Amino acid sequence: MILTFFDQFSSPYLLGIPLILLSMLLPALLLPSPNNRWITNRLSTLQLWTINMITKQLMAPLNKPGHKWAIILTSLMMLLLTINLLGLLPYTFTPTTQLSMNMALALPLWLATLLTGLRNQPTTSLGHLLPEGTPTPLIPALIMIETISLLIRPLALGVRLTANLTAGHLLIQLISTATITLLPIMPAVSVITTTILLLLTILEVAVAMIQAYVFVLLLSLYLQENI
């Protein structure tokens, strides 16, 4: 039983065992696996087309050395996409509403892009901390500001994904609760809130897809700066 609006974001437990790992793995198990047939079914064809389109979009801003990251970025995109969309179903749990999970995805991947730049082109990577032509008195301040903006990138990635999905789920629950409450009292107003709820649900489906794309796209842009 949900006691507060925020209880829906607490990690589910069964016999004291957290089920967040199961909720992360289950969406991946629902995707059809490729087979050796010459002619695939419609679902596999749609999946291949979607993966191909996503990979092209993510690799477009990257140079050729960055194409080695295609499998990682595309897999991350598919994982976030399936988790976000399945989390909109009733009586489900959305792992991407947890800041701990989003930071666990954002921090290592951002650090990998940073270390890639420091290994391959250390001078250029460190040169981003100081714009060319900076007056001498402003050099220490600008280095501090650029360092802070660099270190805050993974936090921004995790918080953006968490905040957008959490806000959408809260709005859906608030409006659905209002709809059920107003149904026996004011049926006409309840019909209006139901219409708003349907429109909001369509919007949240779009937000779930857009936020997954933005998360991976920003990682690819960070990678582009370091290759």
Protein backbone atom coordinates (compact mmCIF):
# COMPACT_ATOMS: atom_id res chain seq x y z
CA MET A 1 0.00 0.00 0.00
CA ILE A 2 1.34 3.42 -0.98
CA LEU A 3 1.40 5.67 2.08
CA THR A 4 2.88 8.77 0.44
CA PHE A 5 3.47 9.93 -3.11
CA PHE A 6 7.20 9.28 -2.74
CA ASP A 7 6.83 5.64 -1.65
CA GLN A 8 6.56 4.65 -5.32
CA PHE A 9 10.23 5.60 -5.72
CA SER A 10 11.50 3.38 -2.91
CA SER A 11 13.34 0.26 -4.03
CA PRO A 12 11.11 -2.86 -3.86
CA TYR A 13 12.10 -5.68 -1.50
CA LEU A 14 11.12 -9.35 -1.30
CA LEU A 15 12.03 -11.19 1.89
CA GLY A 16 14.50 -8.43 2.67
CA ILE A 17 16.24 -8.75 -0.72
CA PRO A 18 16.29 -5.61 -2.93
CA LEU A 19 14.77 -6.27 -6.35
CA ILE A 20 16.29 -3.28 -8.17
CA LEU A 21 18.77 -5.57 -9.96
CA LEU A 22 15.90 -7.72 -11.23
CA SER A 23 14.01 -4.64 -12.39
CA MET A 24 17.10 -3.57 -14.35
CA LEU A 25 17.70 -6.94 -15.99
CA LEU A 26 14.08 -7.78 -16.86
CA PRO A 27 13.68 -5.12 -19.62
CA ALA A 28 16.79 -6.43 -21.38
CA LEU A 29 15.37 -9.97 -21.29
CA LEU A 30 12.24 -8.78 -23.09
CA LEU A 31 14.19 -7.71 -26.17
CA PRO A 32 14.19 -10.33 -28.95
CA SER A 33 17.52 -12.05 -29.49
CA PRO A 34 18.92 -12.29 -33.06
CA ASN A 35 18.67 -15.60 -34.89
CA ASN A 36 20.31 -17.23 -37.90
CA ARG A 37 17.29 -17.11 -40.21
CA TRP A 38 17.52 -15.34 -43.54
CA ILE A 39 14.09 -13.76 -43.04
CA THR A 40 13.46 -12.36 -39.57
CA ASN A 41 10.10 -11.66 -38.00
CA ARG A 42 8.59 -8.18 -37.74
CA LEU A 43 9.71 -7.61 -34.14
CA SER A 44 13.34 -8.45 -34.87
CA THR A 45 13.28 -6.30 -37.99
CA LEU A 46 11.87 -3.37 -36.03
CA GLN A 47 14.51 -3.84 -33.33
CA LEU A 48 17.35 -3.93 -35.86
CA TRP A 49 16.01 -0.81 -37.59
CA THR A 50 15.74 1.02 -34.26
CA ILE A 51 19.27 0.05 -33.17
CA ASN A 52 20.66 1.05 -36.56
CA MET A 53 18.95 4.45 -36.43
CA ILE A 54 20.06 5.09 -32.84
CA THR A 55 23.67 4.13 -33.63
CA LYS A 56 23.76 6.46 -36.63
CA GLN A 57 22.41 9.36 -34.55
CA LEU A 58 24.89 8.79 -31.71
CA MET A 59 27.92 8.30 -33.97
CA ALA A 60 27.18 11.34 -36.16
CA PRO A 61 28.99 13.92 -33.94
CA LEU A 62 31.94 11.58 -33.26
CA ASN A 63 35.19 11.22 -35.15
CA LYS A 64 36.31 7.81 -36.37
CA PRO A 65 38.24 6.90 -33.17
CA GLY A 66 35.04 7.45 -31.17
CA HIS A 67 33.19 4.79 -33.17
CA LYS A 68 34.79 2.19 -30.90
CA TRP A 69 32.24 3.30 -28.29
CA ALA A 70 29.28 2.41 -30.52
CA ILE A 71 28.40 -0.81 -28.66
CA ILE A 72 28.60 0.83 -25.22
CA LEU A 73 26.56 3.90 -26.15
CA THR A 74 23.92 2.01 -28.12
CA SER A 75 23.53 -0.61 -25.37
CA LEU A 76 23.17 2.15 -22.76
CA MET A 77 20.58 3.88 -24.93
CA MET A 78 18.51 0.70 -25.31
CA LEU A 79 18.77 -0.03 -21.56
CA LEU A 80 17.60 3.44 -20.53
CA LEU A 81 14.89 3.46 -23.19
CA THR A 82 13.36 0.15 -22.14
CA ILE A 83 13.59 0.93 -18.40
CA ASN A 84 12.03 4.38 -18.80
CA LEU A 85 9.16 3.16 -20.98
CA LEU A 86 8.35 0.05 -18.92
CA GLY A 87 8.43 2.19 -15.78
CA LEU A 88 5.33 4.03 -17.04
CA LEU A 89 3.22 0.88 -16.76
CA PRO A 90 1.00 0.56 -13.65
CA TYR A 91 2.41 -1.30 -10.63
CA THR A 92 5.97 -1.17 -11.92
CA PHE A 93 9.20 0.26 -10.54
CA THR A 94 11.46 2.61 -12.50
CA PRO A 95 15.14 2.20 -11.51
CA THR A 96 16.10 5.42 -13.32
CA THR A 97 14.20 7.45 -10.72
CA GLN A 98 16.98 6.51 -8.28
CA LEU A 99 19.83 9.03 -8.22
CA SER A 100 22.23 6.32 -7.05
CA MET A 101 21.67 4.25 -10.20
CA ASN A 102 21.91 7.24 -12.55
CA MET A 103 25.13 8.40 -10.90
CA ALA A 104 26.49 4.84 -11.11
CA LEU A 105 25.94 5.05 -14.88
CA ALA A 106 27.06 8.65 -15.39
CA LEU A 107 30.20 8.81 -13.24
CA PRO A 108 32.18 5.82 -14.66
CA LEU A 109 31.30 6.64 -18.27
CA TRP A 110 32.19 10.33 -17.85
CA LEU A 111 35.43 9.32 -16.12
CA ALA A 112 36.21 6.94 -19.00
CA THR A 113 35.83 9.76 -21.54
CA LEU A 114 38.05 12.00 -19.41
CA LEU A 115 40.76 9.36 -19.00
CA THR A 116 40.61 8.61 -22.73
CA GLY A 117 41.38 12.25 -23.47
CA LEU A 118 44.17 12.43 -20.90
CA ARG A 119 45.76 9.30 -22.36
CA ASN A 120 45.46 10.10 -26.06
CA GLN A 121 45.85 13.89 -26.11
CA PRO A 122 46.79 15.22 -22.65
CA THR A 123 47.76 18.70 -23.87
CA THR A 124 44.46 19.30 -25.68
CA SER A 125 42.39 17.91 -22.81
CA LEU A 126 44.11 20.10 -20.24
CA GLY A 127 43.89 23.02 -22.67
CA HIS A 128 40.09 23.02 -22.29
CA LEU A 129 40.59 24.32 -18.75
CA LEU A 130 42.00 27.62 -20.02
CA PRO A 131 40.56 29.42 -23.07
CA GLU A 132 43.07 30.89 -25.48
CA GLY A 133 43.86 34.59 -25.03
CA THR A 134 42.83 34.76 -21.37
CA PRO A 135 44.31 37.77 -19.48
CA THR A 136 46.95 36.75 -16.96
CA PRO A 137 45.10 37.99 -13.81
CA LEU A 138 42.05 35.88 -14.73
CA ILE A 139 43.92 32.62 -15.32
CA PRO A 140 43.56 31.15 -11.76
CA ALA A 141 39.87 32.02 -11.57
CA LEU A 142 39.08 30.61 -15.01
CA ILE A 143 40.97 27.39 -14.30
CA MET A 144 38.92 26.92 -11.10
CA ILE A 145 35.64 27.66 -12.90
CA GLU A 146 36.41 25.30 -15.80
CA THR A 147 37.52 22.57 -13.39
CA ILE A 148 34.28 22.86 -11.42
CA SER A 149 32.22 22.80 -14.63
CA LEU A 150 34.13 19.69 -15.72
CA LEU A 151 33.62 17.88 -12.43
CA ILE A 152 29.92 18.77 -12.25
CA ARG A 153 29.11 17.09 -15.56
CA PRO A 154 28.34 13.60 -14.17
CA LEU A 155 26.20 15.15 -11.42
CA ALA A 156 24.25 17.11 -14.04
CA LEU A 157 23.74 13.93 -16.10
CA GLY A 158 22.39 11.95 -13.15
CA VAL A 159 20.25 14.72 -11.66
CA ARG A 160 18.70 15.63 -15.04
CA LEU A 161 17.52 12.08 -15.69
CA THR A 162 16.32 11.57 -12.11
CA ALA A 163 14.49 14.89 -11.83
CA ASN A 164 12.63 14.62 -15.14
CA LEU A 165 11.38 11.09 -14.54
CA THR A 166 10.52 11.72 -10.89
CA ALA A 167 8.55 14.87 -11.72
CA GLY A 168 6.61 13.07 -14.44
CA HIS A 169 5.69 10.13 -12.20
CA LEU A 170 4.59 12.49 -9.43
CA LEU A 171 2.38 14.49 -11.80
CA ILE A 172 0.76 11.31 -13.14
CA GLN A 173 0.04 10.06 -9.62
CA LEU A 174 -1.30 13.44 -8.44
CA ILE A 175 -3.68 13.79 -11.38
CA SER A 176 -4.81 10.16 -11.23
CA THR A 177 -5.51 10.51 -7.50
CA ALA A 178 -7.50 13.68 -8.19
CA THR A 179 -9.46 11.89 -10.93
CA ILE A 180 -10.46 9.02 -8.63
CA THR A 181 -11.37 11.43 -5.81
CA LEU A 182 -13.48 13.70 -8.03
CA LEU A 183 -15.32 10.88 -9.85
CA PRO A 184 -18.18 10.41 -7.31
CA ILE A 185 -18.33 14.12 -6.39
CA MET A 186 -17.95 15.99 -9.70
CA PRO A 187 -18.06 13.61 -12.68
CA ALA A 188 -17.71 16.43 -15.25
CA VAL A 189 -14.49 17.69 -13.67
CA SER A 190 -13.27 14.09 -13.43
CA VAL A 191 -13.66 13.70 -17.20
CA ILE A 192 -11.51 16.81 -17.72
CA THR A 193 -8.80 15.53 -15.38
CA THR A 194 -8.90 12.15 -17.17
CA THR A 195 -8.26 13.91 -20.48
CA ILE A 196 -5.36 15.81 -18.89
CA LEU A 197 -4.03 12.51 -17.52
CA LEU A 198 -4.08 10.89 -20.97
CA LEU A 199 -2.27 13.87 -22.51
CA LEU A 200 0.27 13.84 -19.68
CA THR A 201 0.87 10.12 -20.19
CA ILE A 202 1.63 10.73 -23.88
CA LEU A 203 3.99 13.53 -22.84
CA GLU A 204 5.75 11.26 -20.35
CA VAL A 205 6.30 8.62 -23.01
CA ALA A 206 8.02 11.29 -25.09
CA VAL A 207 10.01 12.48 -22.05
CA ALA A 208 11.15 8.91 -21.30
CA MET A 209 12.54 8.54 -24.82
CA ILE A 210 14.02 12.03 -24.99
CA GLN A 211 15.79 11.81 -21.63
CA ALA A 212 17.39 8.49 -22.54
CA TYR A 213 18.60 10.02 -25.81
CA VAL A 214 19.87 13.21 -24.14
CA PHE A 215 21.79 11.22 -21.50
CA VAL A 216 23.67 9.19 -24.12
CA LEU A 217 24.06 12.12 -26.52
CA LEU A 218 25.76 14.24 -23.87
CA LEU A 219 28.13 11.37 -23.12
CA SER A 220 28.99 11.16 -26.82
CA LEU A 221 29.64 14.92 -26.89
CA TYR A 222 31.92 14.62 -23.86
CA LEU A 223 33.71 11.81 -25.70
CA GLN A 224 34.10 13.96 -28.80
CA GLU A 225 35.98 16.56 -26.76
CA ASN A 226 38.53 13.94 -25.71
CA ILE A 227 39.30 12.06 -28.93
